[in-house]
Protein backbone atom coordinates (compact mmCIF):
# COMPACT_ATOMS: atom_id res chain seq x y z
CA UNK A 1 -98.58 -33.85 -11.46
CA UNK A 2 -101.69 -31.73 -12.69
CA UNK A 3 -103.58 -34.31 -14.41
CA UNK A 4 -105.38 -31.30 -16.61
CA UNK A 5 -107.44 -30.76 -13.18
CA UNK A 6 -109.34 -27.44 -13.65
CA UNK A 7 -110.14 -25.12 -10.65
CA UNK A 8 -106.38 -26.04 -8.98
CA UNK A 9 -106.48 -22.75 -7.50
CA UNK A 10 -106.42 -23.12 -3.90
CA UNK A 11 -104.79 -19.89 -2.61
CA UNK A 12 -106.37 -19.93 1.05
CA UNK A 13 -105.48 -18.26 4.33
CA UNK A 14 -104.96 -20.71 7.32
CA UNK A 15 -106.95 -19.53 10.60
CA UNK A 16 -105.04 -18.51 13.56
CA UNK A 17 -105.81 -21.90 14.93
CA UNK A 18 -104.09 -23.67 12.05
CA UNK A 19 -101.17 -21.53 11.92
CA UNK A 20 -100.54 -22.40 15.64
CA UNK A 21 -101.46 -26.26 14.69
CA UNK A 22 -98.73 -26.16 11.76
CA UNK A 23 -96.17 -24.41 14.37
CA UNK A 24 -96.36 -27.09 16.45
CA UNK A 25 -93.91 -29.70 15.80
CA UNK A 26 -93.86 -32.34 18.33
CA UNK A 27 -96.50 -34.60 19.75
CA UNK A 28 -96.57 -32.88 22.93
CA UNK A 29 -96.66 -29.36 21.51
CA UNK A 30 -99.63 -30.34 18.98
CA UNK A 31 -101.59 -31.99 22.34
CA UNK A 32 -101.18 -28.61 24.25
CA UNK A 33 -102.98 -26.62 21.21
CA UNK A 34 -105.71 -29.41 20.80
CA UNK A 35 -106.65 -28.86 24.43
CA UNK A 36 -106.65 -25.24 24.21
CA UNK A 37 -108.57 -25.41 21.36
CA UNK A 38 -110.73 -27.67 22.52
CA UNK A 39 -110.65 -30.19 19.69
CA UNK A 40 -109.36 -33.21 21.70
CA UNK A 41 -111.70 -36.05 23.10
CA UNK A 42 -108.49 -37.49 24.72
CA UNK A 43 -109.82 -37.39 28.65
CA UNK A 44 -111.72 -40.28 28.12
CA UNK A 45 -109.20 -42.07 26.58
CA UNK A 46 -106.57 -41.34 29.14
CA UNK A 47 -109.10 -42.25 31.57
CA UNK A 48 -109.41 -45.69 30.33
CA UNK A 49 -105.59 -45.96 30.42
CA UNK A 50 -105.30 -45.06 33.92
CA UNK A 51 -107.94 -47.50 34.60
CA UNK A 52 -106.01 -50.07 33.12
CA UNK A 53 -102.73 -49.04 34.90
CA UNK A 54 -104.57 -49.41 38.27
CA UNK A 55 -106.09 -52.69 37.34
CA UNK A 56 -102.31 -53.88 36.99
CA UNK A 57 -101.49 -52.53 40.13
CA UNK A 58 -104.16 -54.09 41.90
CA UNK A 59 -102.79 -57.04 40.10
CA UNK A 60 -99.37 -56.70 40.85
CA UNK A 61 -100.08 -56.14 44.76
CA UNK A 62 -102.08 -59.32 45.00
CA UNK A 63 -98.83 -60.86 43.19
CA UNK A 64 -96.86 -59.52 46.07
CA UNK A 65 -98.80 -60.62 48.64
CA UNK A 66 -98.86 -64.04 47.73
CA UNK A 67 -95.06 -64.26 47.23
CA UNK A 68 -95.07 -62.71 50.62
CA UNK A 69 -97.64 -65.00 51.90
CA UNK A 70 -96.14 -68.40 50.63
CA UNK A 71 -92.08 -67.69 51.10
CA UNK A 72 -89.79 -65.88 48.47
CA UNK A 73 -88.51 -68.86 45.92
CA UNK A 74 -86.73 -68.04 42.65
CA UNK A 75 -89.23 -69.55 40.94
CA UNK A 76 -92.22 -66.79 42.02
CA UNK A 77 -90.11 -64.20 40.47
CA UNK A 78 -91.15 -65.76 37.27
CA UNK A 79 -94.44 -65.24 38.01
CA UNK A 80 -93.90 -61.71 39.06
CA UNK A 81 -92.40 -60.75 35.98
CA UNK A 82 -95.58 -62.32 33.86
CA UNK A 83 -97.89 -59.90 35.63
CA UNK A 84 -95.79 -56.98 35.26
CA UNK A 85 -95.03 -58.03 31.56
CA UNK A 86 -98.79 -58.46 30.83
CA UNK A 87 -99.66 -55.15 32.78
CA UNK A 88 -97.08 -53.16 30.88
CA UNK A 89 -98.29 -54.81 27.32
CA UNK A 90 -102.09 -53.78 28.12
CA UNK A 91 -101.42 -50.33 29.55
CA UNK A 92 -99.23 -49.50 26.24
CA UNK A 93 -101.83 -50.68 24.19
CA UNK A 94 -104.34 -48.14 26.42
CA UNK A 95 -101.65 -45.78 25.26
CA UNK A 96 -101.75 -46.46 21.33
CA UNK A 97 -105.48 -46.28 21.62
CA UNK A 98 -105.75 -43.08 23.44
CA UNK A 99 -103.38 -41.54 20.70
CA UNK A 100 -105.17 -42.94 17.72
CA UNK A 101 -108.42 -41.21 19.04
CA UNK A 102 -106.45 -38.22 19.09
CA UNK A 103 -105.04 -38.59 15.77
CA UNK A 104 -108.61 -39.07 14.49
CA UNK A 105 -109.78 -35.71 16.34
CA UNK A 106 -106.59 -33.76 15.04
CA UNK A 107 -107.22 -35.36 11.44
CA UNK A 108 -110.74 -34.16 11.72
CA UNK A 109 -110.73 -30.67 13.27
CA UNK A 110 -108.04 -29.40 10.31
CA UNK A 111 -110.25 -31.29 7.64
CA UNK A 112 -113.23 -28.89 8.86
CA UNK A 113 -111.23 -26.17 9.11
CA UNK A 114 -110.32 -26.29 5.67
CA UNK A 115 -113.67 -27.27 4.12
CA UNK A 116 -113.30 -24.41 1.08
CA UNK A 117 -110.40 -26.73 0.26
CA UNK A 118 -112.29 -29.87 0.48
CA UNK A 119 -114.91 -28.66 -2.00
CA UNK A 120 -112.29 -27.67 -4.26
CA UNK A 121 -111.31 -31.31 -4.51
CA UNK A 122 -114.84 -32.52 -4.65
CA UNK A 123 -115.25 -30.10 -7.23
CA UNK A 124 -112.40 -31.38 -9.46
CA UNK A 125 -113.44 -34.79 -8.92
CA UNK A 126 -116.74 -33.95 -10.77
CA UNK A 127 -114.64 -32.77 -13.44
CA UNK A 128 -113.11 -35.62 -14.10
CA UNK A 129 -116.99 -37.27 -13.76
CA UNK A 130 -118.17 -35.00 -16.23
CA UNK A 131 -115.70 -35.98 -18.74
CA UNK A 132 -115.91 -39.74 -18.64
CA UNK A 133 -118.99 -41.04 -21.06
CA UNK A 134 -120.16 -43.19 -17.80
CA UNK A 135 -120.27 -40.80 -15.20
CA UNK A 136 -117.81 -42.62 -13.13
CA UNK A 137 -114.15 -42.11 -11.68
CA UNK A 138 -111.36 -44.55 -11.38
CA UNK A 139 -109.32 -44.94 -8.38
CA UNK A 140 -106.08 -43.96 -10.20
CA UNK A 141 -107.83 -40.78 -11.15
CA UNK A 142 -109.14 -39.88 -7.62
CA UNK A 143 -105.61 -40.54 -6.50
CA UNK A 144 -104.28 -37.89 -9.01
CA UNK A 145 -106.99 -35.30 -7.92
CA UNK A 146 -105.63 -35.96 -4.40
CA UNK A 147 -101.87 -35.16 -5.17
CA UNK A 148 -102.88 -32.24 -7.05
CA UNK A 149 -104.66 -30.48 -4.67
CA UNK A 150 -102.94 -32.03 -1.09
CA UNK A 151 -99.22 -31.00 -2.03
CA UNK A 152 -100.43 -27.31 -1.86
CA UNK A 153 -101.87 -27.21 1.59
CA UNK A 154 -98.93 -27.04 4.17
CA UNK A 155 -97.03 -30.24 4.62
CA UNK A 156 -98.01 -30.14 8.46
CA UNK A 157 -101.74 -31.51 7.00
CA UNK A 158 -100.71 -33.40 4.37
CA UNK A 159 -100.64 -36.72 5.98
CA UNK A 160 -104.50 -35.78 7.76
CA UNK A 161 -105.63 -35.34 4.32
CA UNK A 162 -104.42 -38.72 3.03
CA UNK A 163 -105.20 -40.61 6.07
CA UNK A 164 -109.08 -39.26 5.83
CA UNK A 165 -109.71 -39.33 2.24
CA UNK A 166 -107.98 -42.74 2.11
CA UNK A 167 -111.35 -44.18 4.78
CA UNK A 168 -113.92 -42.78 1.84
CA UNK A 169 -114.82 -44.92 -1.18
CA UNK A 170 -115.43 -42.01 -3.16
CA UNK A 171 -115.77 -44.22 -6.45
CA UNK A 172 -119.05 -45.30 -4.80
CA UNK A 173 -120.11 -42.25 -3.44
CA UNK A 174 -119.78 -40.31 -6.93
CA UNK A 175 -121.83 -43.33 -8.24
CA UNK A 176 -124.73 -42.89 -5.88
CA UNK A 177 -125.19 -39.29 -6.35
CA UNK A 178 -125.54 -39.48 -10.29
CA UNK A 179 -127.88 -42.16 -9.85
CA UNK A 180 -130.13 -39.93 -7.75
CA UNK A 181 -132.40 -37.56 -10.61
CA UNK A 182 -132.82 -34.89 -8.13
CA UNK A 183 -129.30 -34.28 -8.17
CA UNK A 184 -129.14 -32.96 -11.82
CA UNK A 185 -126.93 -30.29 -11.67
CA UNK A 186 -123.33 -29.89 -11.16
CA UNK A 187 -123.55 -27.56 -7.98
CA UNK A 188 -126.39 -29.97 -6.28
CA UNK A 189 -123.96 -32.79 -6.82
CA UNK A 190 -121.07 -31.17 -5.69
CA UNK A 191 -122.58 -29.99 -2.55
CA UNK A 192 -124.02 -33.62 -2.32
CA UNK A 193 -120.68 -34.82 -2.29
CA UNK A 194 -119.29 -32.82 -0.18
CA UNK A 195 -121.88 -33.87 2.38
CA UNK A 196 -121.45 -37.73 1.87
CA UNK A 197 -117.77 -37.28 2.13
CA UNK A 198 -118.09 -35.40 5.86
CA UNK A 199 -121.12 -37.80 6.88
CA UNK A 200 -118.73 -40.38 6.22
CA UNK A 201 -116.02 -39.72 8.05
CA UNK A 202 -118.00 -38.38 10.81
CA UNK A 203 -119.70 -41.60 11.29
CA UNK A 204 -116.22 -43.64 11.17
CA UNK A 205 -114.75 -41.40 13.86
CA UNK A 206 -118.15 -42.02 15.92
CA UNK A 207 -117.62 -45.89 15.36
CA UNK A 208 -114.12 -45.84 16.35
CA UNK A 209 -114.87 -44.17 19.49
CA UNK A 210 -117.95 -46.48 20.32
CA UNK A 211 -115.81 -49.43 19.79
CA UNK A 212 -116.05 -52.44 22.15
CA UNK A 213 -112.29 -52.40 22.67
CA UNK A 214 -111.98 -51.25 26.22
CA UNK A 215 -114.41 -53.91 27.20
CA UNK A 216 -112.25 -56.42 25.54
CA UNK A 217 -109.22 -55.63 26.91
CA UNK A 218 -110.50 -55.18 30.36
CA UNK A 219 -111.80 -58.69 30.36
CA UNK A 220 -108.58 -59.90 28.32
CA UNK A 221 -106.23 -58.84 30.75
CA UNK A 222 -108.04 -59.91 33.64
CA UNK A 223 -108.34 -63.37 32.23
CA UNK A 224 -104.43 -63.36 31.45
CA UNK A 225 -103.50 -62.39 35.03
CA UNK A 226 -105.98 -64.19 36.65
CA UNK A 227 -104.18 -67.41 35.13
CA UNK A 228 -100.81 -66.28 35.97
CA UNK A 229 -102.20 -65.87 39.78
CA UNK A 230 -103.59 -69.47 39.72
CA UNK A 231 -100.37 -70.93 38.89
CA UNK A 232 -98.38 -68.56 41.29
CA UNK A 233 -101.05 -69.96 43.99
CA UNK A 234 -100.64 -73.59 43.04
């Protein structure tokens, strides 16, 4: 589907780094390459998972000690299993969070490595806008532009591009750009769209990393485990 879009020449040479990522087929291979390239922020999320694991091991030991002190009864196995279940759930949530951040890092790195390609996409978007008397682009037109270009990059990176571009309110960004009088040439608008798109994504990634998720999970984890231990004691 070409949608009559100009400037669809996307001939580009993958960098050696991208070729390595492209050849990494499993998650662990990707993680290895990301670590070697220094593009992962996975150390902190991994530390958070470790803290959650140790926290729940602590509650598990307390539960085991209480059962040993009170004397074994089958009903205590129920509480012990609940302590284990809560621990497993929260550790898995921590792992899921870690994988989410690693995914953002992976997609963002690829996105920046293919900046010339991103510029082609932005130029195609502006081509559509220039043809519109109201100087706007519709969501359907935007999706058409994405489809035309993204299908031309290696399949290993297509999902990441769709994911990142779906986060950006490009329709609104384009409208804002055309309201700025000083952006009175095609080149200036194109540069501004690329800059705004990248800035929006960078802010989104930073907000994702600064999320108070860990604090909430720790507090909820502790509260639930304390409730179970309370019933175990009584």
